Amino acid sequence: MSEIRALWMRVRRHVRLSHAVVVLCALLVAADGGSTFVSSWRAYHRTLNDAGVTLDTVARAAELTASRTILDINETLAEAERAVLARLPGVFLTDASITTLLRQYKDEAHGISNILVVDAQGAVANAADPIDQSREQLSLAMPRPATMQWLYIGSARRSAATGAWSILVGHLLIRDGEFVGLLAAEVPTAAFSSMFTAVAASGGIDLALLLEDGTLIASGLQQDGSIGRHAAFAARLTDAVTQHNSGLLTDVVGPAGGGSNLLNYRRLPTAPLLVELVDGIAARPTTADD
């Protein structure tokens, strides 16, 4: 208040008392408003920091759970890959003995609804369970990877028969240095969304799994209409991921279309996937211009 007192004394020397009183009142109102804004701004940032810590804790747990699921699938595929390659080139990929192998690994695995073998042209050559091959021809067409150490993750697809969503997680089939096809497990997204739903129901946090380009695969909010599409914040997210494997974004457009959301993202170390959490927080402090 010392600054206001000094300013008040200067005003008293140059203006009449009635005018000076008006000026003093304006100064006091401005000082009080400024103090309120600073307090609100500090409280807002404390809320951001607290929410950020909470999101980071939940994100780490979700990352571990999702990574464990992918690792389990990866181990099943690695064993099946060795068994399939051991039969080549003595049999074709379409051989009944390959079908028997696929069924064996599919029945022993958890969280896998089917296992497919795709040839080098992108057509389904074999499967543990019968599928609509005309549809798979299009969805599995893929570029050849530059390296052998590569895990294929396909976009979410919906079964015409059941309406259930799933993704394909695949291993390359490489024999004598030559790419001969892809061994892929069909994984229901329910394996992830059931866990995410429990998190979302606990307090306004939506947990989701996305491809690195921002395509939604599974969500705790059960947004079937959004699965397979780019999230509203995809552009910001993909830009952030190119710089850091994990981080926190503010003022993000949420699943419901509203802004002022916090988004915590983490890249899975086991696959080209992202775990992200969106938390709807209070809007930023208002100013006199709002």
Foldseek 3Di string as FASTA:
>chain_A
DVVLVVVLVVVPVPDPPVVSVVVSVVVVVVVVQVVVQVVQQVVVVVVVVVVVVVFVVVQVVLLVLVLVVLVQVVVLQVVLLVVVLVCPPVDDCLDVVNLVSQLVSQVPGPQFDKKFKAWPQQFTRYIVDDDDRVVSSVQRGDDDDPDQPAWDWGAWDADPVPRFIWIWIWHFRADPNDTTTIIITTGTLCSSLVVQLVVCVPAQKKKFKAALQQATDHINVPPSVRGRHHAPCSVVRNVVCVPDQWDKDAQGQDPVRHTGWIKTWHQRPNHRMIMMMIHRDDDRDDDPVD
